[in-house]
């Protein structure tokens, strides 16, 4: 898979995506794939499916106290992972980041 923008990736159908979220203490990271709740177990994995131009949308939410911070890694991206961070603030107590995966021809 390759990164093509902020939280945007391209990959071939059948590739496995792994999202690792490490929330602190009593906080939790919630995974929602294509509008369906997939729970809080990390790492979360899914396979890209469909034809060229099809997309998958992954949302990761941090549920915890204000001041909580959660490191996120999306991979594999060019043999490594793409880091991100969710931070719960007074103005955004339940932050959510959205990731888009576009399927390209092999």
PDB file of N, CA and C in Angstrom:
ATOM      1  N   UNK A   1       0.842  -1.168   0.000  1.00  0.00           N
ATOM      2  CA  UNK A   1       0.000   0.000   0.000  1.00  0.00           C
ATOM      3  C   UNK A   1       0.895   1.241   0.000  1.00  0.00           C
ATOM      4  N   UNK A   2       0.367   2.345  -0.523  1.00  0.00           N
ATOM      5  CA  UNK A   2       1.097   3.598  -0.554  1.00  0.00           C
ATOM      6  C   UNK A   2       0.225   4.721  -0.009  1.00  0.00           C
ATOM      7  N   UNK A   3       0.867   5.668   0.623  1.00  0.00           N
ATOM      8  CA  UNK A   3       0.187   6.862   1.113  1.00  0.00           C
ATOM      9  C   UNK A   3       0.130   7.867  -0.023  1.00  0.00           C
ATOM     10  N   UNK A   4      -1.073   8.446  -0.268  1.00  0.00           N
ATOM     11  CA  UNK A   4      -1.209   9.437  -1.342  1.00  0.00           C
ATOM     12  C   UNK A   4      -1.640  10.799  -0.809  1.00  0.00           C
ATOM     13  N   UNK A   5      -1.877  10.891   0.485  1.00  0.00           N
ATOM     14  CA  UNK A   5      -2.285  12.143   1.101  1.00  0.00           C
ATOM     15  C   UNK A   5      -2.457  11.922   2.593  1.00  0.00           C
ATOM     16  N   UNK A   6      -2.911  12.950   3.261  1.00  0.00           N
ATOM     17  CA  UNK A   6      -3.142  12.840   4.698  1.00  0.00           C
ATOM     18  C   UNK A   6      -4.291  11.870   4.928  1.00  0.00           C
ATOM     19  N   UNK A   7      -3.956  10.730   5.567  1.00  0.00           N
ATOM     20  CA  UNK A   7      -4.922   9.672   5.879  1.00  0.00           C
ATOM     21  C   UNK A   7      -5.601   9.102   4.627  1.00  0.00           C
ATOM     22  N   UNK A   8      -4.898   9.114   3.477  1.00  0.00           N
ATOM     23  CA  UNK A   8      -5.403   8.534   2.216  1.00  0.00           C
ATOM     24  C   UNK A   8      -4.354   7.592   1.671  1.00  0.00           C
ATOM     25  N   UNK A   9      -4.825   6.407   1.251  1.00  0.00           N
ATOM     26  CA  UNK A   9      -3.920   5.355   0.816  1.00  0.00           C
ATOM     27  C   UNK A   9      -4.479   4.671  -0.425  1.00  0.00           C
ATOM     28  N   UNK A  10      -3.585   4.066  -1.210  1.00  0.00           N
ATOM     29  CA  UNK A  10      -3.994   3.232  -2.336  1.00  0.00           C
ATOM     30  C   UNK A  10      -3.350   1.860  -2.159  1.00  0.00           C
ATOM     31  N   UNK A  11      -4.090   0.829  -2.600  1.00  0.00           N
ATOM     32  CA  UNK A  11      -3.573  -0.531  -2.524  1.00  0.00           C
ATOM     33  C   UNK A  11      -4.367  -1.430  -3.446  1.00  0.00           C
ATOM     34  N   UNK A  12      -3.866  -2.636  -3.615  1.00  0.00           N
ATOM     35  CA  UNK A  12      -4.511  -3.615  -4.492  1.00  0.00           C
ATOM     36  C   UNK A  12      -5.555  -4.415  -3.720  1.00  0.00           C
ATOM     37  N   UNK A  13      -6.577  -4.864  -4.444  1.00  0.00           N
ATOM     38  CA  UNK A  13      -7.593  -5.725  -3.838  1.00  0.00           C
ATOM     39  C   UNK A  13      -6.898  -6.949  -3.234  1.00  0.00           C
ATOM     40  N   UNK A  14      -7.299  -7.315  -2.029  1.00  0.00           N
ATOM     41  CA  UNK A  14      -6.713  -8.457  -1.339  1.00  0.00           C
ATOM     42  C   UNK A  14      -5.644  -8.080  -0.329  1.00  0.00           C
ATOM     43  N   UNK A  15      -5.094  -6.867  -0.423  1.00  0.00           N
ATOM     44  CA  UNK A  15      -4.080  -6.454   0.555  1.00  0.00           C
ATOM     45  C   UNK A  15      -4.696  -6.357   1.948  1.00  0.00           C
ATOM     46  N   UNK A  16      -3.912  -6.686   2.952  1.00  0.00           N
ATOM     47  CA  UNK A  16      -4.356  -6.593   4.334  1.00  0.00           C
ATOM     48  C   UNK A  16      -3.913  -5.271   4.926  1.00  0.00           C
ATOM     49  N   UNK A  17      -4.857  -4.572   5.562  1.00  0.00           N
ATOM     50  CA  UNK A  17      -4.578  -3.320   6.259  1.00  0.00           C
ATOM     51  C   UNK A  17      -4.577  -3.622   7.752  1.00  0.00           C
ATOM     52  N   UNK A  18      -3.594  -3.109   8.461  1.00  0.00           N
ATOM     53  CA  UNK A  18      -3.528  -3.256   9.906  1.00  0.00           C
ATOM     54  C   UNK A  18      -3.514  -1.871  10.534  1.00  0.00           C
ATOM     55  N   UNK A  19      -4.443  -1.638  11.457  1.00  0.00           N
ATOM     56  CA  UNK A  19      -4.502  -0.388  12.214  1.00  0.00           C
ATOM     57  C   UNK A  19      -4.242  -0.729  13.675  1.00  0.00           C
ATOM     58  N   UNK A  20      -3.198  -0.137  14.238  1.00  0.00           N
ATOM     59  CA  UNK A  20      -2.838  -0.357  15.632  1.00  0.00           C
ATOM     60  C   UNK A  20      -3.088   0.943  16.386  1.00  0.00           C
ATOM     61  N   UNK A  21      -3.876   0.873  17.448  1.00  0.00           N
ATOM     62  CA  UNK A  21      -4.155   2.029  18.289  1.00  0.00           C
ATOM     63  C   UNK A  21      -3.753   1.686  19.720  1.00  0.00           C
ATOM     64  N   UNK A  22      -3.026   2.599  20.359  1.00  0.00           N
ATOM     65  CA  UNK A  22      -2.555   2.351  21.719  1.00  0.00           C
ATOM     66  C   UNK A  22      -3.047   3.445  22.658  1.00  0.00           C
ATOM     67  N   UNK A  23      -4.329   3.351  23.080  1.00  0.00           N
ATOM     68  CA  UNK A  23      -4.859   4.347  24.008  1.00  0.00           C
ATOM     69  C   UNK A  23      -4.319   4.097  25.420  1.00  0.00           C
ATOM     70  N   UNK A  24      -4.268   5.145  26.227  1.00  0.00           N
ATOM     71  CA  UNK A  24      -3.741   4.998  27.582  1.00  0.00           C
ATOM     72  C   UNK A  24      -4.797   4.480  28.564  1.00  0.00           C
ATOM     73  N   UNK A  25      -4.346   3.811  29.603  1.00  0.00           N
ATOM     74  CA  UNK A  25      -5.174   3.432  30.741  1.00  0.00           C
ATOM     75  C   UNK A  25      -6.581   2.995  30.423  1.00  0.00           C
ATOM     76  N   UNK A  26      -7.552   3.758  30.921  1.00  0.00           N
ATOM     77  CA  UNK A  26      -8.968   3.394  30.777  1.00  0.00           C
ATOM     78  C   UNK A  26      -9.587   3.886  29.473  1.00  0.00           C
ATOM     79  N   UNK A  27      -8.824   4.575  28.643  1.00  0.00           N
ATOM     80  CA  UNK A  27      -9.347   5.059  27.361  1.00  0.00           C
ATOM     81  C   UNK A  27      -9.443   3.889  26.380  1.00  0.00           C
ATOM     82  N   UNK A  28     -10.218   4.079  25.312  1.00  0.00           N
ATOM     83  CA  UNK A  28     -10.383   3.045  24.290  1.00  0.00           C
ATOM     84  C   UNK A  28     -10.383   3.694  22.911  1.00  0.00           C
ATOM     85  N   UNK A  29      -9.919   2.929  21.935  1.00  0.00           N
ATOM     86  CA  UNK A  29      -9.997   3.349  20.536  1.00  0.00           C
ATOM     87  C   UNK A  29     -11.056   2.478  19.877  1.00  0.00           C
ATOM     88  N   UNK A  30     -12.007   3.127  19.214  1.00  0.00           N
ATOM     89  CA  UNK A  30     -13.105   2.411  18.556  1.00  0.00           C
ATOM     90  C   UNK A  30     -12.889   2.454  17.047  1.00  0.00           C
ATOM     91  N   UNK A  31     -13.055   1.297  16.397  1.00  0.00           N
ATOM     92  CA  UNK A  31     -12.862   1.176  14.953  1.00  0.00           C
ATOM     93  C   UNK A  31     -14.216   1.034  14.263  1.00  0.00           C
ATOM     94  N   UNK A  32     -14.425   1.829  13.214  1.00  0.00           N
ATOM     95  CA  UNK A  32     -15.646   1.749  12.403  1.00  0.00           C
ATOM     96  C   UNK A  32     -15.195   1.644  10.947  1.00  0.00           C
ATOM     97  N   UNK A  33     -15.539   0.518  10.300  1.00  0.00           N
ATOM     98  CA  UNK A  33     -15.142   0.288   8.907  1.00  0.00           C
ATOM     99  C   UNK A  33     -16.375   0.313   8.026  1.00  0.00           C
ATOM    100  N   UNK A  34     -16.369   1.208   7.046  1.00  0.00           N
ATOM    101  CA  UNK A  34     -17.480   1.340   6.098  1.00  0.00           C
ATOM    102  C   UNK A  34     -18.821   1.451   6.810  1.00  0.00           C
ATOM    103  N   UNK A  35     -18.837   2.235   7.907  1.00  0.00           N
ATOM    104  CA  UNK A  35     -20.070   2.503   8.647  1.00  0.00           C
ATOM    105  C   UNK A  35     -20.470   1.440   9.644  1.00  0.00           C
ATOM    106  N   UNK A  36     -19.686   0.377   9.778  1.00  0.00           N
ATOM    107  CA  UNK A  36     -20.029  -0.703  10.713  1.00  0.00           C
ATOM    108  C   UNK A  36     -19.056  -0.720  11.882  1.00  0.00           C
ATOM    109  N   UNK A  37     -19.613  -0.717  13.092  1.00  0.00           N
ATOM    110  CA  UNK A  37     -18.808  -0.762  14.307  1.00  0.00           C
ATOM    111  C   UNK A  37     -18.040  -2.069  14.360  1.00  0.00           C
ATOM    112  N   UNK A  38     -16.715  -1.984  14.511  1.00  0.00           N
ATOM    113  CA  UNK A  38     -15.872  -3.178  14.572  1.00  0.00           C
ATOM    114  C   UNK A  38     -15.228  -3.356  15.949  1.00  0.00           C
ATOM    115  N   UNK A  39     -15.678  -2.587  16.919  1.00  0.00           N
ATOM    116  CA  UNK A  39     -15.198  -2.778  18.285  1.00  0.00           C
ATOM    117  C   UNK A  39     -13.932  -2.019  18.611  1.00  0.00           C
ATOM    118  N   UNK A  40     -13.289  -2.460  19.703  1.00  0.00           N
ATOM    119  CA  UNK A  40     -12.131  -1.745  20.232  1.00  0.00           C
ATOM    120  C   UNK A  40     -10.849  -2.580  20.273  1.00  0.00           C
ATOM    121  N   UNK A  41     -10.883  -3.786  19.710  1.00  0.00           N
ATOM    122  CA  UNK A  41      -9.692  -4.645  19.746  1.00  0.00           C
ATOM    123  C   UNK A  41      -8.626  -4.136  18.785  1.00  0.00           C
ATOM    124  N   UNK A  42      -7.413  -3.978  19.304  1.00  0.00           N
ATOM    125  CA  UNK A  42      -6.285  -3.534  18.497  1.00  0.00           C
ATOM    126  C   UNK A  42      -5.186  -4.580  18.601  1.00  0.00           C
ATOM    127  N   UNK A  43      -4.551  -4.956  17.502  1.00  0.00           N
ATOM    128  CA  UNK A  43      -4.676  -4.358  16.177  1.00  0.00           C
ATOM    129  C   UNK A  43      -5.963  -4.793  15.473  1.00  0.00           C
ATOM    130  N   UNK A  44      -6.451  -3.909  14.626  1.00  0.00           N
ATOM    131  CA  UNK A  44      -7.633  -4.172  13.809  1.00  0.00           C
ATOM    132  C   UNK A  44      -7.146  -4.414  12.383  1.00  0.00           C
ATOM    133  N   UNK A  45      -7.591  -5.515  11.777  1.00  0.00           N
ATOM    134  CA  UNK A  45      -7.176  -5.841  10.416  1.00  0.00           C
ATOM    135  C   UNK A  45      -8.376  -6.063   9.512  1.00  0.00           C
ATOM    136  N   UNK A  46      -8.194  -5.703   8.228  1.00  0.00           N
ATOM    137  CA  UNK A  46      -9.197  -6.005   7.213  1.00  0.00           C
ATOM    138  C   UNK A  46      -8.498  -6.084   5.865  1.00  0.00           C
ATOM    139  N   UNK A  47      -9.160  -6.732   4.916  1.00  0.00           N
ATOM    140  CA  UNK A  47      -8.618  -6.862   3.562  1.00  0.00           C
ATOM    141  C   UNK A  47      -9.324  -5.894   2.627  1.00  0.00           C
ATOM    142  N   UNK A  48      -8.536  -5.271   1.767  1.00  0.00           N
ATOM    143  CA  UNK A  48      -9.128  -4.434   0.726  1.00  0.00           C
ATOM    144  C   UNK A  48      -9.869  -5.356  -0.234  1.00  0.00           C
ATOM    145  N   UNK A  49     -11.075  -4.979  -0.592  1.00  0.00           N
ATOM    146  CA  UNK A  49     -11.893  -5.797  -1.484  1.00  0.00           C
ATOM    147  C   UNK A  49     -12.599  -4.909  -2.490  1.00  0.00           C
ATOM    148  N   UNK A  50     -12.743  -5.415  -3.706  1.00  0.00           N
ATOM    149  CA  UNK A  50     -13.438  -4.677  -4.748  1.00  0.00           C
ATOM    150  C   UNK A  50     -12.542  -4.446  -5.939  1.00  0.00           C
ATOM    151  N   UNK A  51     -13.036  -3.620  -6.836  1.00  0.00           N
ATOM    152  CA  UNK A  51     -12.311  -3.319  -8.060  1.00  0.00           C
ATOM    153  C   UNK A  51     -11.667  -1.947  -8.020  1.00  0.00           C
ATOM    154  N   UNK A  52     -10.893  -1.620  -9.050  1.00  0.00           N
ATOM    155  CA  UNK A  52     -10.242  -0.318  -9.112  1.00  0.00           C
ATOM    156  C   UNK A  52     -11.242   0.825  -8.923  1.00  0.00           C
ATOM    157  N   UNK A  53     -10.896   1.745  -8.047  1.00  0.00           N
ATOM    158  CA  UNK A  53     -11.745   2.890  -7.741  1.00  0.00           C
ATOM    159  C   UNK A  53     -12.644   2.695  -6.536  1.00  0.00           C
ATOM    160  N   UNK A  54     -12.857   1.443  -6.124  1.00  0.00           N
ATOM    161  CA  UNK A  54     -13.657   1.201  -4.917  1.00  0.00           C
ATOM    162  C   UNK A  54     -12.885   1.692  -3.695  1.00  0.00           C
ATOM    163  N   UNK A  55     -13.612   2.038  -2.652  1.00  0.00           N
ATOM    164  CA  UNK A  55     -12.964   2.571  -1.453  1.00  0.00           C
ATOM    165  C   UNK A  55     -13.458   1.876  -0.194  1.00  0.00           C
ATOM    166  N   UNK A  56     -12.636   1.970   0.835  1.00  0.00           N
ATOM    167  CA  UNK A  56     -13.010   1.583   2.194  1.00  0.00           C
ATOM    168  C   UNK A  56     -12.731   2.792   3.066  1.00  0.00           C
ATOM    169  N   UNK A  57     -13.630   3.047   4.007  1.00  0.00           N
ATOM    170  CA  UNK A  57     -13.464   4.164   4.926  1.00  0.00           C
ATOM    171  C   UNK A  57     -13.348   3.618   6.342  1.00  0.00           C
ATOM    172  N   UNK A  58     -12.248   3.950   6.997  1.00  0.00           N
ATOM    173  CA  UNK A  58     -12.004   3.533   8.370  1.00  0.00           C
ATOM    174  C   UNK A  58     -11.995   4.768   9.256  1.00  0.00           C
ATOM    175  N   UNK A  59     -12.771   4.728  10.330  1.00  0.00           N
ATOM    176  CA  UNK A  59     -12.760   5.793  11.329  1.00  0.00           C
ATOM    177  C   UNK A  59     -12.240   5.209  12.634  1.00  0.00           C
ATOM    178  N   UNK A  60     -11.379   5.962  13.299  1.00  0.00           N
ATOM    179  CA  UNK A  60     -10.867   5.555  14.605  1.00  0.00           C
ATOM    180  C   UNK A  60     -11.183   6.694  15.571  1.00  0.00           C
ATOM    181  N   UNK A  61     -11.881   6.355  16.650  1.00  0.00           N
ATOM    182  CA  UNK A  61     -12.277   7.345  17.653  1.00  0.00           C
ATOM    183  C   UNK A  61     -11.574   7.050  18.962  1.00  0.00           C
ATOM    184  N   UNK A  62     -11.190   8.099  19.671  1.00  0.00           N
ATOM    185  CA  UNK A  62     -10.621   7.964  21.009  1.00  0.00           C
ATOM    186  C   UNK A  62     -11.708   8.293  22.019  1.00  0.00           C
ATOM    187  N   UNK A  63     -11.956   7.344  22.902  1.00  0.00           N
ATOM    188  CA  UNK A  63     -12.968   7.522  23.942  1.00  0.00           C
ATOM    189  C   UNK A  63     -12.237   7.471  25.269  1.00  0.00           C
ATOM    190  N   UNK A  64     -12.156   8.616  25.931  1.00  0.00           N
ATOM    191  CA  UNK A  64     -11.429   8.686  27.197  1.00  0.00           C
ATOM    192  C   UNK A  64     -11.565  10.061  27.804  1.00  0.00           C
ATOM    193  N   UNK A  65     -10.807  10.291  28.857  1.00  0.00           N
ATOM    194  CA  UNK A  65     -10.843  11.578  29.552  1.00  0.00           C
ATOM    195  C   UNK A  65     -10.135  12.647  28.735  1.00  0.00           C
ATOM    196  N   UNK A  66     -10.528  13.889  28.958  1.00  0.00           N
ATOM    197  CA  UNK A  66      -9.847  15.012  28.318  1.00  0.00           C
ATOM    198  C   UNK A  66      -8.374  14.939  28.711  1.00  0.00           C
ATOM    199  N   UNK A  67      -7.517  15.099  27.735  1.00  0.00           N
ATOM    200  CA  UNK A  67      -6.083  14.992  27.949  1.00  0.00           C
ATOM    201  C   UNK A  67      -5.512  13.656  27.501  1.00  0.00           C
ATOM    202  N   UNK A  68      -6.390  12.691  27.205  1.00  0.00           N
ATOM    203  CA  UNK A  68      -5.928  11.391  26.720  1.00  0.00           C
ATOM    204  C   UNK A  68      -5.327  11.530  25.327  1.00  0.00           C
ATOM    205  N   UNK A  69      -4.314  10.710  25.051  1.00  0.00           N
ATOM    206  CA  UNK A  69      -3.665  10.725  23.752  1.00  0.00           C
ATOM    207  C   UNK A  69      -3.484   9.277  23.299  1.00  0.00           C
ATOM    208  N   UNK A  70      -3.733   9.030  22.005  1.00  0.00           N
ATOM    209  CA  UNK A  70      -3.650   7.676  21.464  1.00  0.00           C
ATOM    210  C   UNK A  70      -2.804   7.680  20.198  1.00  0.00           C
ATOM    211  N   UNK A  71      -1.729   6.897  20.209  1.00  0.00           N
ATOM    212  CA  UNK A  71      -0.922   6.728  19.006  1.00  0.00           C
ATOM    213  C   UNK A  71      -1.601   5.728  18.091  1.00  0.00           C
ATOM    214  N   UNK A  72      -1.572   6.011  16.793  1.00  0.00           N
ATOM    215  CA  UNK A  72      -2.173   5.146  15.775  1.00  0.00           C
ATOM    216  C   UNK A  72      -1.110   4.870  14.713  1.00  0.00           C
ATOM    217  N   UNK A  73      -1.082   3.644  14.211  1.00  0.00           N
ATOM    218  CA  UNK A  73      -0.193   3.291  13.103  1.00  0.00           C
ATOM    219  C   UNK A  73      -1.009   2.524  12.075  1.00  0.00           C
ATOM    220  N   UNK A  74      -0.980   2.976  10.825  1.00  0.00           N
ATOM    221  CA  UNK A  74      -1.654   2.316   9.709  1.00  0.00           C
ATOM    222  C   UNK A  74      -0.575   1.663   8.857  1.00  0.00           C
ATOM    223  N   UNK A  75      -0.767   0.397   8.511  1.00  0.00           N
ATOM    224  CA  UNK A  75       0.281  -0.262   7.733  1.00  0.00           C
ATOM    225  C   UNK A  75      -0.239  -1.482   7.008  1.00  0.00           C
ATOM    226  N   UNK A  76       0.547  -2.128   6.225  1.00  0.00           N
ATOM    227  CA  UNK A  76       1.899  -1.684   5.882  1.00  0.00           C
ATOM    228  C   UNK A  76       1.883  -0.618   4.789  1.00  0.00           C
ATOM    229  N   UNK A  77       2.651   0.411   4.994  1.00  0.00           N
ATOM    230  CA  UNK A  77       2.785   1.494   4.026  1.00  0.00           C
ATOM    231  C   UNK A  77       4.244   1.505   3.578  1.00  0.00           C
ATOM    232  N   UNK A  78       4.495   1.134   2.333  1.00  0.00           N
ATOM    233  CA  UNK A  78       5.860   1.085   1.799  1.00  0.00           C
ATOM    234  C   UNK A  78       6.800   0.329   2.737  1.00  0.00           C
ATOM    235  N   UNK A  79       6.333  -0.790   3.290  1.00  0.00           N
ATOM    236  CA  UNK A  79       7.164  -1.617   4.153  1.00  0.00           C
ATOM    237  C   UNK A  79       7.198  -1.185   5.605  1.00  0.00           C
ATOM    238  N   UNK A  80       6.561  -0.095   5.949  1.00  0.00           N
ATOM    239  CA  UNK A  80       6.539   0.393   7.331  1.00  0.00           C
ATOM    240  C   UNK A  80       5.120   0.711   7.746  1.00  0.00           C
ATOM    241  N   UNK A  81       4.976   1.765   8.523  1.00  0.00           N
ATOM    242  CA  UNK A  81       3.633   2.197   8.923  1.00  0.00           C
ATOM    243  C   UNK A  81       3.558   3.717   8.890  1.00  0.00           C
ATOM    244  N   UNK A  82       2.335   4.224   8.834  1.00  0.00           N
ATOM    245  CA  UNK A  82       2.077   5.661   8.788  1.00  0.00           C
ATOM    246  C   UNK A  82       1.539   6.069  10.157  1.00  0.00           C
ATOM    247  N   UNK A  83       2.285   6.884  10.917  1.00  0.00           N
ATOM    248  CA  UNK A  83       1.844   7.245  12.259  1.00  0.00           C
ATOM    249  C   UNK A  83       0.807   8.361  12.272  1.00  0.00           C
ATOM    250  N   UNK A  84      -0.003   8.352  13.316  1.00  0.00           N
ATOM    251  CA  UNK A  84      -1.009   9.383  13.545  1.00  0.00           C
ATOM    252  C   UNK A  84      -1.218   9.461  15.056  1.00  0.00           C
ATOM    253  N   UNK A  85      -1.901  10.476  15.513  1.00  0.00           N
ATOM    254  CA  UNK A  85      -2.177  10.601  16.941  1.00  0.00           C
ATOM    255  C   UNK A  85      -3.555  11.234  17.137  1.00  0.00           C
ATOM    256  N   UNK A  86      -4.303  10.704  18.076  1.00  0.00           N
ATOM    257  CA  UNK A  86      -5.593  11.266  18.477  1.00  0.00           C
ATOM    258  C   UNK A  86      -5.410  11.889  19.852  1.00  0.00           C
ATOM    259  N   UNK A  87      -5.885  13.117  20.035  1.00  0.00           N
ATOM    260  CA  UNK A  87      -5.746  13.808  21.315  1.00  0.00           C
ATOM    261  C   UNK A  87      -7.115  14.323  21.738  1.00  0.00           C
ATOM    262  N   UNK A  88      -7.511  13.958  22.942  1.00  0.00           N
ATOM    263  CA  UNK A  88      -8.781  14.421  23.503  1.00  0.00           C
ATOM    264  C   UNK A  88      -8.551  15.762  24.195  1.00  0.00           C
ATOM    265  N   UNK A  89      -9.234  16.795  23.717  1.00  0.00           N
ATOM    266  CA  UNK A  89      -9.095  18.126  24.303  1.00  0.00           C
ATOM    267  C   UNK A  89     -10.450  18.624  24.799  1.00  0.00           C
ATOM    268  N   UNK A  90     -10.430  19.716  25.500  1.00  0.00           N
ATOM    269  CA  UNK A  90     -11.683  20.301  25.992  1.00  0.00           C
ATOM    270  C   UNK A  90     -12.605  20.651  24.827  1.00  0.00           C
ATOM    271  N   UNK A  91     -12.033  21.080  23.704  1.00  0.00           N
ATOM    272  CA  UNK A  91     -12.838  21.486  22.548  1.00  0.00           C
ATOM    273  C   UNK A  91     -13.179  20.317  21.623  1.00  0.00           C
ATOM    274  N   UNK A  92     -12.490  19.195  21.789  1.00  0.00           N
ATOM    275  CA  UNK A  92     -12.745  17.987  20.997  1.00  0.00           C
ATOM    276  C   UNK A  92     -12.540  16.776  21.913  1.00  0.00           C
ATOM    277  N   UNK A  93     -13.515  16.547  22.827  1.00  0.00           N
ATOM    278  CA  UNK A  93     -13.332  15.499  23.839  1.00  0.00           C
ATOM    279  C   UNK A  93     -13.355  14.071  23.290  1.00  0.00           C
ATOM    280  N   UNK A  94     -13.930  13.843  22.125  1.00  0.00           N
ATOM    281  CA  UNK A  94     -13.986  12.510  21.516  1.00  0.00           C
ATOM    282  C   UNK A  94     -13.515  12.598  20.068  1.00  0.00           C
ATOM    283  N   UNK A  95     -12.194  12.760  19.870  1.00  0.00           N
ATOM    284  CA  UNK A  95     -11.679  12.949  18.504  1.00  0.00           C
ATOM    285  C   UNK A  95     -11.849  11.699  17.647  1.00  0.00           C
ATOM    286  N   UNK A  96     -12.117  11.941  16.363  1.00  0.00           N
ATOM    287  CA  UNK A  96     -12.258  10.873  15.375  1.00  0.00           C
ATOM    288  C   UNK A  96     -11.417  11.247  14.158  1.00  0.00           C
ATOM    289  N   UNK A  97     -10.607  10.306  13.693  1.00  0.00           N
ATOM    290  CA  UNK A  97      -9.875  10.505  12.446  1.00  0.00           C
ATOM    291  C   UNK A  97     -10.406   9.521  11.418  1.00  0.00           C
ATOM    292  N   UNK A  98     -10.504   9.997  10.177  1.00  0.00           N
ATOM    293  CA  UNK A  98     -11.047   9.197   9.077  1.00  0.00           C
ATOM    294  C   UNK A  98      -9.925   8.880   8.093  1.00  0.00           C
ATOM    295  N   UNK A  99      -9.871   7.634   7.667  1.00  0.00           N
ATOM    296  CA  UNK A  99      -8.855   7.136   6.747  1.00  0.00           C
ATOM    297  C   UNK A  99      -9.549   6.552   5.528  1.00  0.00           C
ATOM    298  N   UNK A 100      -9.045   6.886   4.344  1.00  0.00           N
ATOM    299  CA  UNK A 100      -9.632   6.373   3.105  1.00  0.00           C
ATOM    300  C   UNK A 100      -8.622   5.489   2.385  1.00  0.00           C
ATOM    301  N   UNK A 101      -9.122   4.336   1.930  1.00  0.00           N
ATOM    302  CA  UNK A 101      -8.313   3.364   1.198  1.00  0.00           C
ATOM    303  C   UNK A 101      -8.945   3.170  -0.174  1.00  0.00           C
ATOM    304  N   UNK A 102      -8.199   3.462  -1.230  1.00  0.00           N
ATOM    305  CA  UNK A 102      -8.693   3.362  -2.601  1.00  0.00           C
ATOM    306  C   UNK A 102      -8.012   2.163  -3.264  1.00  0.00           C
ATOM    307  N   UNK A 103      -8.807   1.347  -3.924  1.00  0.00           N
ATOM    308  CA  UNK A 103      -8.271   0.166  -4.602  1.00  0.00           C
ATOM    309  C   UNK A 103      -7.836   0.566  -6.009  1.00  0.00           C
ATOM    310  N   UNK A 104      -6.623   0.142  -6.362  1.00  0.00           N
ATOM    311  CA  UNK A 104      -6.076   0.414  -7.690  1.00  0.00           C
ATOM    312  C   UNK A 104      -5.796  -0.911  -8.393  1.00  0.00           C
ATOM    313  N   UNK A 105      -5.658  -0.854  -9.698  1.00  0.00           N
ATOM    314  CA  UNK A 105      -5.350  -2.068 -10.475  1.00  0.00           C
ATOM    315  C   UNK A 105      -3.966  -2.566 -10.099  1.00  0.00           C
ATOM    316  N   UNK A 106      -3.813  -3.882 -10.091  1.00  0.00           N
ATOM    317  CA  UNK A 106      -2.509  -4.470  -9.738  1.00  0.00           C
ATOM    318  C   UNK A 106      -1.508  -4.294 -10.844  1.00  0.00           C
TER     319      UNK A 106
END
